[in-house]
C-alpha cells in the first residue's frame, strides 16, 4: 500500500550481456550418453537421474559448437 500511495512512475529494461547461450538438450541416443548410462549403471547398480541444469556451465560452450556433452553433478546443486 505504501508504494502504491507514492504514485511513482518508473520504467525498467532488461538486457543480456554476452556471452549468452541458448538452452540445449542432448539426445539419449548420443554415444556419450549411452556410454555414461552404461558405466553409471555398472558402477552404481542403478540408472542415473537425468535433469536439466538451470544456469550456465562449460557444457554450453561446447554445445553451441555442436559438440554433444554431459554435465554431471548433483541435482539442483
PDB file of N, CA and C in Angstrom:
ATOM      1  N   UNK A   1       0.816  -1.188   0.000  1.00  0.00           N
ATOM      2  CA  UNK A   1       0.000   0.000   0.000  1.00  0.00           C
ATOM      3  C   UNK A   1       0.862   1.255   0.000  1.00  0.00           C
ATOM      4  N   UNK A   2       1.939   1.202   0.758  1.00  0.00           N
ATOM      5  CA  UNK A   2       2.810   2.377   0.845  1.00  0.00           C
ATOM      6  C   UNK A   2       3.353   2.739  -0.531  1.00  0.00           C
ATOM      7  N   UNK A   3       3.868   1.744  -1.258  1.00  0.00           N
ATOM      8  CA  UNK A   3       4.441   2.012  -2.579  1.00  0.00           C
ATOM      9  C   UNK A   3       3.364   2.564  -3.508  1.00  0.00           C
ATOM     10  N   UNK A   4       2.197   1.975  -3.494  1.00  0.00           N
ATOM     11  CA  UNK A   4       1.101   2.458  -4.342  1.00  0.00           C
ATOM     12  C   UNK A   4       0.730   3.894  -4.015  1.00  0.00           C
ATOM     13  N   UNK A   5       0.778   4.241  -2.758  1.00  0.00           N
ATOM     14  CA  UNK A   5       0.380   5.595  -2.354  1.00  0.00           C
ATOM     15  C   UNK A   5       1.377   6.657  -2.809  1.00  0.00           C
ATOM     16  N   UNK A   6       2.588   6.265  -3.145  1.00  0.00           N
ATOM     17  CA  UNK A   6       3.602   7.231  -3.579  1.00  0.00           C
ATOM     18  C   UNK A   6       3.383   7.679  -5.024  1.00  0.00           C
ATOM     19  N   UNK A   7       2.594   6.933  -5.787  1.00  0.00           N
ATOM     20  CA  UNK A   7       2.275   7.263  -7.176  1.00  0.00           C
ATOM     21  C   UNK A   7       3.538   7.521  -8.009  1.00  0.00           C
ATOM     22  N   UNK A   8       4.500   6.620  -7.861  1.00  0.00           N
ATOM     23  CA  UNK A   8       5.767   6.752  -8.584  1.00  0.00           C
ATOM     24  C   UNK A   8       5.627   6.214 -10.004  1.00  0.00           C
ATOM     25  N   UNK A   9       6.324   6.819 -10.930  1.00  0.00           N
ATOM     26  CA  UNK A   9       6.371   6.355 -12.309  1.00  0.00           C
ATOM     27  C   UNK A   9       7.792   5.854 -12.563  1.00  0.00           C
ATOM     28  N   UNK A  10       7.888   4.665 -13.134  1.00  0.00           N
ATOM     29  CA  UNK A  10       9.204   4.095 -13.394  1.00  0.00           C
ATOM     30  C   UNK A  10       9.144   3.214 -14.631  1.00  0.00           C
ATOM     31  N   UNK A  11      10.276   3.058 -15.266  1.00  0.00           N
ATOM     32  CA  UNK A  11      10.401   2.121 -16.379  1.00  0.00           C
ATOM     33  C   UNK A  11      11.606   1.238 -16.108  1.00  0.00           C
ATOM     34  N   UNK A  12      11.566   0.039 -16.644  1.00  0.00           N
ATOM     35  CA  UNK A  12      12.690  -0.877 -16.491  1.00  0.00           C
ATOM     36  C   UNK A  12      13.052  -1.449 -17.848  1.00  0.00           C
ATOM     37  N   UNK A  13      14.276  -1.876 -17.960  1.00  0.00           N
ATOM     38  CA  UNK A  13      14.742  -2.521 -19.184  1.00  0.00           C
ATOM     39  C   UNK A  13      15.665  -3.657 -18.776  1.00  0.00           C
ATOM     40  N   UNK A  14      15.421  -4.831 -19.315  1.00  0.00           N
ATOM     41  CA  UNK A  14      16.248  -5.997 -19.031  1.00  0.00           C
ATOM     42  C   UNK A  14      17.097  -6.276 -20.257  1.00  0.00           C
ATOM     43  N   UNK A  15      18.396  -6.374 -20.059  1.00  0.00           N
ATOM     44  CA  UNK A  15      19.303  -6.698 -21.161  1.00  0.00           C
ATOM     45  C   UNK A  15      20.177  -7.873 -20.754  1.00  0.00           C
ATOM     46  N   UNK A  16      20.637  -8.606 -21.736  1.00  0.00           N
ATOM     47  CA  UNK A  16      21.543  -9.720 -21.503  1.00  0.00           C
ATOM     48  C   UNK A  16      22.899  -9.363 -22.073  1.00  0.00           C
ATOM     49  N   UNK A  17      23.908  -9.510 -21.254  1.00  0.00           N
ATOM     50  CA  UNK A  17      25.265  -9.226 -21.718  1.00  0.00           C
ATOM     51  C   UNK A  17      25.875 -10.492 -22.315  1.00  0.00           C
ATOM     52  N   UNK A  18      26.618 -10.352 -23.395  1.00  0.00           N
ATOM     53  CA  UNK A  18      27.300 -11.510 -23.972  1.00  0.00           C
ATOM     54  C   UNK A  18      28.337 -12.041 -22.982  1.00  0.00           C
ATOM     55  N   UNK A  19      28.667 -13.304 -22.967  1.00  0.00           N
ATOM     56  CA  UNK A  19      28.074 -14.302 -23.852  1.00  0.00           C
ATOM     57  C   UNK A  19      26.720 -14.759 -23.328  1.00  0.00           C
ATOM     58  N   UNK A  20      25.846 -15.057 -24.252  1.00  0.00           N
ATOM     59  CA  UNK A  20      24.534 -15.610 -23.917  1.00  0.00           C
ATOM     60  C   UNK A  20      24.394 -16.901 -24.706  1.00  0.00           C
ATOM     61  N   UNK A  21      24.099 -17.968 -24.001  1.00  0.00           N
ATOM     62  CA  UNK A  21      23.976 -19.272 -24.645  1.00  0.00           C
ATOM     63  C   UNK A  21      22.545 -19.776 -24.534  1.00  0.00           C
ATOM     64  N   UNK A  22      22.014 -20.262 -25.654  1.00  0.00           N
ATOM     65  CA  UNK A  22      20.679 -20.847 -25.646  1.00  0.00           C
ATOM     66  C   UNK A  22      20.707 -22.183 -24.911  1.00  0.00           C
ATOM     67  N   UNK A  23      19.573 -22.589 -24.372  1.00  0.00           N
ATOM     68  CA  UNK A  23      19.496 -23.908 -23.745  1.00  0.00           C
ATOM     69  C   UNK A  23      19.771 -24.992 -24.784  1.00  0.00           C
ATOM     70  N   UNK A  24      20.227 -26.130 -24.313  1.00  0.00           N
ATOM     71  CA  UNK A  24      20.457 -27.243 -25.230  1.00  0.00           C
ATOM     72  C   UNK A  24      20.010 -28.543 -24.571  1.00  0.00           C
ATOM     73  N   UNK A  25      19.716 -29.512 -25.396  1.00  0.00           N
ATOM     74  CA  UNK A  25      19.311 -30.828 -24.929  1.00  0.00           C
ATOM     75  C   UNK A  25      20.052 -31.851 -25.767  1.00  0.00           C
ATOM     76  N   UNK A  26      20.666 -32.804 -25.109  1.00  0.00           N
ATOM     77  CA  UNK A  26      21.414 -33.847 -25.805  1.00  0.00           C
ATOM     78  C   UNK A  26      20.550 -35.106 -25.842  1.00  0.00           C
ATOM     79  N   UNK A  27      20.446 -35.710 -27.001  1.00  0.00           N
ATOM     80  CA  UNK A  27      19.657 -36.933 -27.161  1.00  0.00           C
ATOM     81  C   UNK A  27      20.273 -38.074 -26.361  1.00  0.00           C
ATOM     82  N   UNK A  28      19.437 -38.896 -25.782  1.00  0.00           N
ATOM     83  CA  UNK A  28      19.938 -40.072 -25.054  1.00  0.00           C
ATOM     84  C   UNK A  28      20.522 -41.109 -26.005  1.00  0.00           C
ATOM     85  N   UNK A  29      20.357 -40.896 -27.299  1.00  0.00           N
ATOM     86  CA  UNK A  29      20.949 -41.792 -28.292  1.00  0.00           C
ATOM     87  C   UNK A  29      22.383 -41.405 -28.643  1.00  0.00           C
ATOM     88  N   UNK A  30      22.846 -40.264 -28.166  1.00  0.00           N
ATOM     89  CA  UNK A  30      24.234 -39.855 -28.427  1.00  0.00           C
ATOM     90  C   UNK A  30      25.181 -40.857 -27.760  1.00  0.00           C
ATOM     91  N   UNK A  31      26.275 -41.215 -28.424  1.00  0.00           N
ATOM     92  CA  UNK A  31      27.221 -42.168 -27.841  1.00  0.00           C
ATOM     93  C   UNK A  31      27.697 -41.781 -26.436  1.00  0.00           C
ATOM     94  N   UNK A  32      27.971 -40.502 -26.196  1.00  0.00           N
ATOM     95  CA  UNK A  32      28.460 -40.100 -24.878  1.00  0.00           C
ATOM     96  C   UNK A  32      27.424 -40.395 -23.788  1.00  0.00           C
ATOM     97  N   UNK A  33      26.158 -40.247 -24.106  1.00  0.00           N
ATOM     98  CA  UNK A  33      25.099 -40.503 -23.127  1.00  0.00           C
ATOM     99  C   UNK A  33      24.912 -42.003 -22.932  1.00  0.00           C
ATOM    100  N   UNK A  34      24.950 -42.763 -24.009  1.00  0.00           N
ATOM    101  CA  UNK A  34      24.803 -44.224 -23.889  1.00  0.00           C
ATOM    102  C   UNK A  34      25.933 -44.823 -23.066  1.00  0.00           C
ATOM    103  N   UNK A  35      27.164 -44.394 -23.322  1.00  0.00           N
ATOM    104  CA  UNK A  35      28.310 -44.912 -22.568  1.00  0.00           C
ATOM    105  C   UNK A  35      28.215 -44.495 -21.104  1.00  0.00           C
ATOM    106  N   UNK A  36      27.891 -43.231 -20.861  1.00  0.00           N
ATOM    107  CA  UNK A  36      27.737 -42.766 -19.479  1.00  0.00           C
ATOM    108  C   UNK A  36      26.693 -43.603 -18.744  1.00  0.00           C
ATOM    109  N   UNK A  37      25.538 -43.819 -19.378  1.00  0.00           N
ATOM    110  CA  UNK A  37      24.448 -44.574 -18.754  1.00  0.00           C
ATOM    111  C   UNK A  37      24.912 -45.989 -18.395  1.00  0.00           C
ATOM    112  N   UNK A  38      25.605 -46.620 -19.329  1.00  0.00           N
ATOM    113  CA  UNK A  38      26.085 -47.986 -19.119  1.00  0.00           C
ATOM    114  C   UNK A  38      27.082 -48.049 -17.963  1.00  0.00           C
ATOM    115  N   UNK A  39      28.051 -47.158 -17.946  1.00  0.00           N
ATOM    116  CA  UNK A  39      29.074 -47.160 -16.895  1.00  0.00           C
ATOM    117  C   UNK A  39      28.463 -46.799 -15.543  1.00  0.00           C
ATOM    118  N   UNK A  40      27.593 -45.814 -15.509  1.00  0.00           N
ATOM    119  CA  UNK A  40      26.934 -45.405 -14.266  1.00  0.00           C
ATOM    120  C   UNK A  40      26.191 -46.592 -13.655  1.00  0.00           C
ATOM    121  N   UNK A  41      25.442 -47.289 -14.502  1.00  0.00           N
ATOM    122  CA  UNK A  41      24.671 -48.437 -14.019  1.00  0.00           C
ATOM    123  C   UNK A  41      25.583 -49.565 -13.554  1.00  0.00           C
ATOM    124  N   UNK A  42      26.666 -49.781 -14.277  1.00  0.00           N
ATOM    125  CA  UNK A  42      27.611 -50.838 -13.917  1.00  0.00           C
ATOM    126  C   UNK A  42      28.279 -50.538 -12.574  1.00  0.00           C
ATOM    127  N   UNK A  43      28.663 -49.308 -12.348  1.00  0.00           N
ATOM    128  CA  UNK A  43      29.375 -48.929 -11.121  1.00  0.00           C
ATOM    129  C   UNK A  43      28.430 -48.770  -9.932  1.00  0.00           C
ATOM    130  N   UNK A  44      27.293 -48.101 -10.138  1.00  0.00           N
ATOM    131  CA  UNK A  44      26.403 -47.780  -9.020  1.00  0.00           C
ATOM    132  C   UNK A  44      25.197 -48.714  -8.892  1.00  0.00           C
ATOM    133  N   UNK A  45      24.989 -49.564  -9.887  1.00  0.00           N
ATOM    134  CA  UNK A  45      23.910 -50.532  -9.799  1.00  0.00           C
ATOM    135  C   UNK A  45      22.515 -49.963  -9.996  1.00  0.00           C
ATOM    136  N   UNK A  46      22.428 -48.784 -10.550  1.00  0.00           N
ATOM    137  CA  UNK A  46      21.115 -48.181 -10.819  1.00  0.00           C
ATOM    138  C   UNK A  46      21.245 -47.208 -11.978  1.00  0.00           C
ATOM    139  N   UNK A  47      20.103 -46.853 -12.541  1.00  0.00           N
ATOM    140  CA  UNK A  47      20.099 -45.894 -13.643  1.00  0.00           C
ATOM    141  C   UNK A  47      20.319 -44.482 -13.110  1.00  0.00           C
ATOM    142  N   UNK A  48      21.013 -43.650 -13.866  1.00  0.00           N
ATOM    143  CA  UNK A  48      21.190 -42.256 -13.439  1.00  0.00           C
ATOM    144  C   UNK A  48      19.886 -41.478 -13.574  1.00  0.00           C
ATOM    145  N   UNK A  49      19.776 -40.423 -12.813  1.00  0.00           N
ATOM    146  CA  UNK A  49      18.659 -39.498 -12.949  1.00  0.00           C
ATOM    147  C   UNK A  49      19.085 -38.407 -13.919  1.00  0.00           C
ATOM    148  N   UNK A  50      18.250 -38.116 -14.875  1.00  0.00           N
ATOM    149  CA  UNK A  50      18.549 -37.065 -15.837  1.00  0.00           C
ATOM    150  C   UNK A  50      17.684 -35.851 -15.528  1.00  0.00           C
ATOM    151  N   UNK A  51      18.289 -34.691 -15.603  1.00  0.00           N
ATOM    152  CA  UNK A  51      17.559 -33.448 -15.344  1.00  0.00           C
ATOM    153  C   UNK A  51      18.210 -32.337 -16.151  1.00  0.00           C
ATOM    154  N   UNK A  52      17.545 -31.215 -16.235  1.00  0.00           N
ATOM    155  CA  UNK A  52      18.152 -30.063 -16.902  1.00  0.00           C
ATOM    156  C   UNK A  52      18.866 -29.208 -15.859  1.00  0.00           C
ATOM    157  N   UNK A  53      19.769 -28.415 -16.321  1.00  0.00           N
ATOM    158  CA  UNK A  53      20.554 -27.536 -15.452  1.00  0.00           C
ATOM    159  C   UNK A  53      20.075 -26.108 -15.654  1.00  0.00           C
ATOM    160  N   UNK A  54      19.770 -25.444 -14.580  1.00  0.00           N
ATOM    161  CA  UNK A  54      19.333 -24.049 -14.664  1.00  0.00           C
ATOM    162  C   UNK A  54      20.533 -23.141 -14.411  1.00  0.00           C
ATOM    163  N   UNK A  55      21.189 -22.800 -15.450  1.00  0.00           N
ATOM    164  CA  UNK A  55      22.373 -21.962 -15.324  1.00  0.00           C
ATOM    165  C   UNK A  55      23.288 -22.203 -16.505  1.00  0.00           C
ATOM    166  N   UNK A  56      24.506 -21.783 -16.361  1.00  0.00           N
ATOM    167  CA  UNK A  56      25.478 -21.943 -17.444  1.00  0.00           C
ATOM    168  C   UNK A  56      26.677 -22.718 -16.923  1.00  0.00           C
ATOM    169  N   UNK A  57      27.182 -23.599 -17.757  1.00  0.00           N
ATOM    170  CA  UNK A  57      28.373 -24.370 -17.432  1.00  0.00           C
ATOM    171  C   UNK A  57      29.268 -24.373 -18.667  1.00  0.00           C
ATOM    172  N   UNK A  58      30.418 -24.981 -18.546  1.00  0.00           N
ATOM    173  CA  UNK A  58      31.290 -25.122 -19.710  1.00  0.00           C
ATOM    174  C   UNK A  58      30.608 -25.926 -20.817  1.00  0.00           C
ATOM    175  N   UNK A  59      29.642 -26.763 -20.443  1.00  0.00           N
ATOM    176  CA  UNK A  59      28.924 -27.561 -21.439  1.00  0.00           C
ATOM    177  C   UNK A  59      28.229 -26.668 -22.467  1.00  0.00           C
ATOM    178  N   UNK A  60      27.768 -25.499 -22.060  1.00  0.00           N
ATOM    179  CA  UNK A  60      27.124 -24.580 -23.003  1.00  0.00           C
ATOM    180  C   UNK A  60      28.085 -24.152 -24.107  1.00  0.00           C
ATOM    181  N   UNK A  61      29.335 -23.954 -23.762  1.00  0.00           N
ATOM    182  CA  UNK A  61      30.341 -23.525 -24.736  1.00  0.00           C
ATOM    183  C   UNK A  61      30.544 -24.612 -25.790  1.00  0.00           C
ATOM    184  N   UNK A  62      30.599 -25.872 -25.349  1.00  0.00           N
ATOM    185  CA  UNK A  62      30.763 -26.978 -26.290  1.00  0.00           C
ATOM    186  C   UNK A  62      29.496 -27.192 -27.113  1.00  0.00           C
ATOM    187  N   UNK A  63      28.348 -27.135 -26.469  1.00  0.00           N
ATOM    188  CA  UNK A  63      27.074 -27.396 -27.152  1.00  0.00           C
ATOM    189  C   UNK A  63      26.829 -26.410 -28.284  1.00  0.00           C
ATOM    190  N   UNK A  64      27.178 -25.148 -28.081  1.00  0.00           N
ATOM    191  CA  UNK A  64      26.961 -24.143 -29.124  1.00  0.00           C
ATOM    192  C   UNK A  64      27.825 -24.438 -30.359  1.00  0.00           C
ATOM    193  N   UNK A  65      28.892 -25.206 -30.167  1.00  0.00           N
ATOM    194  CA  UNK A  65      29.760 -25.609 -31.281  1.00  0.00           C
ATOM    195  C   UNK A  65      29.324 -26.946 -31.883  1.00  0.00           C
ATOM    196  N   UNK A  66      28.197 -27.501 -31.369  1.00  0.00           N
ATOM    197  CA  UNK A  66      27.689 -28.759 -31.904  1.00  0.00           C
ATOM    198  C   UNK A  66      28.321 -29.997 -31.304  1.00  0.00           C
ATOM    199  N   UNK A  67      29.030 -29.844 -30.198  1.00  0.00           N
ATOM    200  CA  UNK A  67      29.687 -30.971 -29.542  1.00  0.00           C
ATOM    201  C   UNK A  67      28.762 -31.510 -28.450  1.00  0.00           C
ATOM    202  N   UNK A  68      28.260 -32.741 -28.597  1.00  0.00           N
ATOM    203  CA  UNK A  68      27.400 -33.308 -27.562  1.00  0.00           C
ATOM    204  C   UNK A  68      28.180 -33.430 -26.252  1.00  0.00           C
ATOM    205  N   UNK A  69      27.566 -33.036 -25.174  1.00  0.00           N
ATOM    206  CA  UNK A  69      28.264 -33.085 -23.896  1.00  0.00           C
ATOM    207  C   UNK A  69      27.287 -33.395 -22.773  1.00  0.00           C
ATOM    208  N   UNK A  70      27.853 -33.786 -21.654  1.00  0.00           N
ATOM    209  CA  UNK A  70      27.086 -34.173 -20.486  1.00  0.00           C
ATOM    210  C   UNK A  70      27.590 -33.369 -19.304  1.00  0.00           C
ATOM    211  N   UNK A  71      26.689 -32.758 -18.596  1.00  0.00           N
ATOM    212  CA  UNK A  71      27.039 -32.012 -17.384  1.00  0.00           C
ATOM    213  C   UNK A  71      26.644 -32.894 -16.220  1.00  0.00           C
ATOM    214  N   UNK A  72      27.623 -33.325 -15.438  1.00  0.00           N
ATOM    215  CA  UNK A  72      27.377 -34.248 -14.331  1.00  0.00           C
ATOM    216  C   UNK A  72      27.528 -33.516 -13.011  1.00  0.00           C
ATOM    217  N   UNK A  73      26.537 -33.634 -12.162  1.00  0.00           N
ATOM    218  CA  UNK A  73      26.610 -33.001 -10.854  1.00  0.00           C
ATOM    219  C   UNK A  73      25.371 -33.298 -10.055  1.00  0.00           C
ATOM    220  N   UNK A  74      25.324 -32.789  -8.839  1.00  0.00           N
ATOM    221  CA  UNK A  74      24.146 -33.026  -8.004  1.00  0.00           C
ATOM    222  C   UNK A  74      22.919 -32.332  -8.584  1.00  0.00           C
ATOM    223  N   UNK A  75      21.777 -32.934  -8.386  1.00  0.00           N
ATOM    224  CA  UNK A  75      20.534 -32.335  -8.855  1.00  0.00           C
ATOM    225  C   UNK A  75      20.275 -31.061  -8.077  1.00  0.00           C
ATOM    226  N   UNK A  76      20.037 -29.966  -8.821  1.00  0.00           N
ATOM    227  CA  UNK A  76      19.776 -28.650  -8.239  1.00  0.00           C
ATOM    228  C   UNK A  76      20.906 -28.203  -7.321  1.00  0.00           C
ATOM    229  N   UNK A  77      22.108 -28.672  -7.615  1.00  0.00           N
ATOM    230  CA  UNK A  77      23.239 -28.330  -6.767  1.00  0.00           C
ATOM    231  C   UNK A  77      24.090 -27.246  -7.323  1.00  0.00           C
TER     232      UNK A  77
END
